[in-house]
Amino acid sequence: MRRCIVLLVLLTSMVSGCGKKEVSFSEIRIDQATRDVKSFIETSVTTEDSNGIHILGNASDTRYLYLDQDFLESGKGFGSLDIKTDDNSWNIYLTEEDEVMKPAENYRLYKITLDKEYEYMRVFKNGEETYFQSVGG
């Protein structure tokens, strides 16, 4: 009986450990980022027509999305982030909030972990496709 329970536990842990990898993201502070990410952020150049969307990929499955103040339109705040994938592309969907309380930080930094390599990457702001102001690697 004891052997059956041990075997069942082992099989369950093996099956759950071999689950499908998923795309995930989390918001982080700049001080939690790697040195490369901090350097990229410090050297990101904003121009008069900057949209404030920057992306850095320093590993095959990890990306960092940096949104600065240029991302926000006047009187708006940082909203939500969503990521959707299909066979060969991953898409970032960003929104702004209309009702704004003074944010603690004037940026957003997200660490994104991909489930595989994709051929294409696209970004959308408030439902409309846009571009990355800067891309680093």
C-alpha atoms as a PDB file:
ATOM      1  CA  MET A   1       0.000   0.000   0.000  1.00  0.00           C
ATOM      2  CA  ARG A   2       2.796   2.371   0.918  1.00  0.00           C
ATOM      3  CA  ARG A   3       4.563   1.633  -2.383  1.00  0.00           C
ATOM      4  CA  CYS A   4       1.400   2.443  -4.321  1.00  0.00           C
ATOM      5  CA  ILE A   5       1.096   5.817  -2.610  1.00  0.00           C
ATOM      6  CA  VAL A   6       4.758   6.646  -3.268  1.00  0.00           C
ATOM      7  CA  LEU A   7       4.384   5.578  -6.902  1.00  0.00           C
ATOM      8  CA  LEU A   8       1.237   7.679  -7.274  1.00  0.00           C
ATOM      9  CA  VAL A   9       2.960  10.737  -5.802  1.00  0.00           C
ATOM     10  CA  LEU A  10       5.961  10.294  -8.116  1.00  0.00           C
ATOM     11  CA  LEU A  11       3.784   9.918 -11.210  1.00  0.00           C
ATOM     12  CA  THR A  12       1.707  12.953 -10.272  1.00  0.00           C
ATOM     13  CA  SER A  13       4.789  15.126  -9.754  1.00  0.00           C
ATOM     14  CA  MET A  14       6.306  13.967 -13.041  1.00  0.00           C
ATOM     15  CA  VAL A  15       3.145  14.730 -14.998  1.00  0.00           C
ATOM     16  CA  SER A  16       2.676  18.157 -13.415  1.00  0.00           C
ATOM     17  CA  GLY A  17       6.376  18.974 -13.892  1.00  0.00           C
ATOM     18  CA  CYS A  18       6.183  18.216 -17.601  1.00  0.00           C
ATOM     19  CA  GLY A  19       3.292  20.584 -18.220  1.00  0.00           C
ATOM     20  CA  LYS A  20       3.158  22.944 -21.157  1.00  0.00           C
ATOM     21  CA  LYS A  21       5.204  26.100 -20.726  1.00  0.00           C
ATOM     22  CA  GLU A  22       3.137  29.281 -20.973  1.00  0.00           C
ATOM     23  CA  VAL A  23       3.810  32.925 -21.713  1.00  0.00           C
ATOM     24  CA  SER A  24       3.918  34.935 -18.507  1.00  0.00           C
ATOM     25  CA  PHE A  25       4.730  38.467 -17.427  1.00  0.00           C
ATOM     26  CA  SER A  26       5.156  40.408 -14.235  1.00  0.00           C
ATOM     27  CA  GLU A  27       5.747  44.032 -13.388  1.00  0.00           C
ATOM     28  CA  ILE A  28       9.118  44.681 -11.769  1.00  0.00           C
ATOM     29  CA  ARG A  29      11.010  47.688 -10.423  1.00  0.00           C
ATOM     30  CA  ILE A  30      14.128  48.920 -12.175  1.00  0.00           C
ATOM     31  CA  ASP A  31      16.252  47.953  -9.178  1.00  0.00           C
ATOM     32  CA  GLN A  32      15.136  44.326  -9.700  1.00  0.00           C
ATOM     33  CA  ALA A  33      16.315  44.325 -13.324  1.00  0.00           C
ATOM     34  CA  THR A  34      19.638  43.052 -14.604  1.00  0.00           C
ATOM     35  CA  ARG A  35      22.529  45.398 -15.305  1.00  0.00           C
ATOM     36  CA  ASP A  36      21.914  45.097 -19.063  1.00  0.00           C
ATOM     37  CA  VAL A  37      18.288  46.168 -18.669  1.00  0.00           C
ATOM     38  CA  LYS A  38      19.233  49.129 -16.467  1.00  0.00           C
ATOM     39  CA  SER A  39      21.846  50.225 -18.997  1.00  0.00           C
ATOM     40  CA  PHE A  40      19.334  49.907 -21.850  1.00  0.00           C
ATOM     41  CA  ILE A  41      16.818  52.050 -19.960  1.00  0.00           C
ATOM     42  CA  GLU A  42      19.421  54.701 -19.129  1.00  0.00           C
ATOM     43  CA  THR A  43      20.526  54.965 -22.760  1.00  0.00           C
ATOM     44  CA  SER A  44      17.043  54.862 -24.309  1.00  0.00           C
ATOM     45  CA  VAL A  45      16.716  57.982 -26.390  1.00  0.00           C
ATOM     46  CA  THR A  46      13.411  59.765 -26.536  1.00  0.00           C
ATOM     47  CA  THR A  47      12.621  61.945 -29.493  1.00  0.00           C
ATOM     48  CA  GLU A  48       9.977  64.536 -30.138  1.00  0.00           C
ATOM     49  CA  ASP A  49       7.611  61.912 -31.568  1.00  0.00           C
ATOM     50  CA  SER A  50       8.496  59.158 -29.067  1.00  0.00           C
ATOM     51  CA  ASN A  51       5.751  56.709 -28.177  1.00  0.00           C
ATOM     52  CA  GLY A  52       7.538  55.522 -25.009  1.00  0.00           C
ATOM     53  CA  ILE A  53       7.465  51.787 -25.812  1.00  0.00           C
ATOM     54  CA  HIS A  54      10.839  50.033 -25.539  1.00  0.00           C
ATOM     55  CA  ILE A  55      11.690  46.322 -25.597  1.00  0.00           C
ATOM     56  CA  LEU A  56      14.859  44.459 -24.719  1.00  0.00           C
ATOM     57  CA  GLY A  57      15.600  40.772 -25.205  1.00  0.00           C
ATOM     58  CA  ASN A  58      18.661  39.425 -23.474  1.00  0.00           C
ATOM     59  CA  ALA A  59      17.781  35.723 -23.591  1.00  0.00           C
ATOM     60  CA  SER A  60      15.908  33.533 -26.040  1.00  0.00           C
ATOM     61  CA  ASP A  61      12.809  33.320 -23.847  1.00  0.00           C
ATOM     62  CA  THR A  62      12.990  36.506 -21.740  1.00  0.00           C
ATOM     63  CA  ARG A  63      12.094  40.041 -22.796  1.00  0.00           C
ATOM     64  CA  TYR A  64      11.762  43.281 -20.865  1.00  0.00           C
ATOM     65  CA  LEU A  65       9.105  45.817 -21.849  1.00  0.00           C
ATOM     66  CA  TYR A  66       9.776  49.353 -20.665  1.00  0.00           C
ATOM     67  CA  LEU A  67       7.111  52.059 -20.889  1.00  0.00           C
ATOM     68  CA  ASP A  68       8.185  55.605 -20.092  1.00  0.00           C
ATOM     69  CA  GLN A  69       6.173  58.817 -19.657  1.00  0.00           C
ATOM     70  CA  ASP A  70       6.050  59.357 -23.440  1.00  0.00           C
ATOM     71  CA  PHE A  71       3.681  56.369 -23.585  1.00  0.00           C
ATOM     72  CA  LEU A  72       0.980  58.351 -21.796  1.00  0.00           C
ATOM     73  CA  GLU A  73      -1.228  60.893 -23.446  1.00  0.00           C
ATOM     74  CA  SER A  74      -1.955  64.023 -21.477  1.00  0.00           C
ATOM     75  CA  GLY A  75      -4.022  63.321 -18.382  1.00  0.00           C
ATOM     76  CA  LYS A  76      -3.932  59.543 -18.701  1.00  0.00           C
ATOM     77  CA  GLY A  77      -2.243  56.840 -16.658  1.00  0.00           C
ATOM     78  CA  PHE A  78      -0.718  53.432 -17.185  1.00  0.00           C
ATOM     79  CA  GLY A  79      -3.368  50.793 -17.791  1.00  0.00           C
ATOM     80  CA  SER A  80      -3.160  47.090 -18.415  1.00  0.00           C
ATOM     81  CA  LEU A  81      -0.913  44.716 -20.321  1.00  0.00           C
ATOM     82  CA  ASP A  82      -1.989  41.526 -22.051  1.00  0.00           C
ATOM     83  CA  ILE A  83      -0.060  39.141 -24.267  1.00  0.00           C
ATOM     84  CA  LYS A  84      -1.579  36.843 -26.859  1.00  0.00           C
ATOM     85  CA  THR A  85       0.205  34.353 -29.090  1.00  0.00           C
ATOM     86  CA  ASP A  86      -0.481  32.349 -32.213  1.00  0.00           C
ATOM     87  CA  ASP A  87       1.687  29.911 -34.164  1.00  0.00           C
ATOM     88  CA  ASN A  88       4.397  32.355 -35.234  1.00  0.00           C
ATOM     89  CA  SER A  89       3.798  35.670 -33.445  1.00  0.00           C
ATOM     90  CA  TRP A  90       3.288  37.161 -30.033  1.00  0.00           C
ATOM     91  CA  ASN A  91       1.319  40.329 -29.548  1.00  0.00           C
ATOM     92  CA  ILE A  92       1.456  42.838 -26.716  1.00  0.00           C
ATOM     93  CA  TYR A  93      -1.742  44.745 -25.932  1.00  0.00           C
ATOM     94  CA  LEU A  94      -1.332  47.923 -23.868  1.00  0.00           C
ATOM     95  CA  THR A  95      -3.976  50.302 -22.585  1.00  0.00           C
ATOM     96  CA  GLU A  96      -4.114  53.616 -20.782  1.00  0.00           C
ATOM     97  CA  GLU A  97      -6.417  54.527 -17.906  1.00  0.00           C
ATOM     98  CA  ASP A  98      -8.639  57.568 -18.180  1.00  0.00           C
ATOM     99  CA  GLU A  99      -8.930  58.235 -14.467  1.00  0.00           C
ATOM    100  CA  VAL A 100      -5.501  58.854 -13.088  1.00  0.00           C
ATOM    101  CA  MET A 101      -4.225  59.031  -9.572  1.00  0.00           C
ATOM    102  CA  LYS A 102      -0.654  60.275  -9.322  1.00  0.00           C
ATOM    103  CA  PRO A 103       1.469  57.146 -10.019  1.00  0.00           C
ATOM    104  CA  ALA A 104       4.273  56.267  -7.633  1.00  0.00           C
ATOM    105  CA  GLU A 105       6.612  55.784 -10.600  1.00  0.00           C
ATOM    106  CA  ASN A 106       6.703  57.461 -13.996  1.00  0.00           C
ATOM    107  CA  TYR A 107       7.407  54.223 -15.829  1.00  0.00           C
ATOM    108  CA  ARG A 108       6.350  50.584 -16.081  1.00  0.00           C
ATOM    109  CA  LEU A 109       8.805  47.724 -16.503  1.00  0.00           C
ATOM    110  CA  TYR A 110       7.623  44.204 -17.267  1.00  0.00           C
ATOM    111  CA  LYS A 111       9.584  40.977 -17.405  1.00  0.00           C
ATOM    112  CA  ILE A 112       8.091  38.704 -20.065  1.00  0.00           C
ATOM    113  CA  THR A 113       8.847  34.995 -20.300  1.00  0.00           C
ATOM    114  CA  LEU A 114       7.948  33.374 -23.619  1.00  0.00           C
ATOM    115  CA  ASP A 115       7.066  29.724 -24.117  1.00  0.00           C
ATOM    116  CA  LYS A 116       9.007  29.399 -27.395  1.00  0.00           C
ATOM    117  CA  GLU A 117      10.733  31.451 -30.075  1.00  0.00           C
ATOM    118  CA  TYR A 118       8.422  33.451 -32.330  1.00  0.00           C
ATOM    119  CA  GLU A 119       9.047  34.851 -35.780  1.00  0.00           C
ATOM    120  CA  TYR A 120       7.032  38.056 -35.276  1.00  0.00           C
ATOM    121  CA  MET A 121       6.381  40.481 -32.446  1.00  0.00           C
ATOM    122  CA  ARG A 122       3.706  43.177 -32.556  1.00  0.00           C
ATOM    123  CA  VAL A 123       2.529  45.829 -30.130  1.00  0.00           C
ATOM    124  CA  PHE A 124      -0.877  47.491 -29.812  1.00  0.00           C
ATOM    125  CA  LYS A 125      -1.836  50.581 -27.828  1.00  0.00           C
ATOM    126  CA  ASN A 126      -5.501  51.052 -27.018  1.00  0.00           C
ATOM    127  CA  GLY A 127      -6.422  48.564 -29.750  1.00  0.00           C
ATOM    128  CA  GLU A 128      -4.355  50.132 -32.545  1.00  0.00           C
ATOM    129  CA  GLU A 129      -1.097  48.644 -33.811  1.00  0.00           C
ATOM    130  CA  THR A 130       1.906  50.834 -33.094  1.00  0.00           C
ATOM    131  CA  TYR A 131       5.693  50.413 -32.987  1.00  0.00           C
ATOM    132  CA  PHE A 132       8.539  50.032 -30.513  1.00  0.00           C
ATOM    133  CA  GLN A 133      10.456  53.263 -29.993  1.00  0.00           C
ATOM    134  CA  SER A 134      13.603  51.232 -29.357  1.00  0.00           C
ATOM    135  CA  VAL A 135      14.564  47.566 -29.514  1.00  0.00           C
ATOM    136  CA  GLY A 136      17.619  46.196 -27.742  1.00  0.00           C
ATOM    137  CA  GLY A 137      19.243  42.827 -27.601  1.00  0.00           C
END
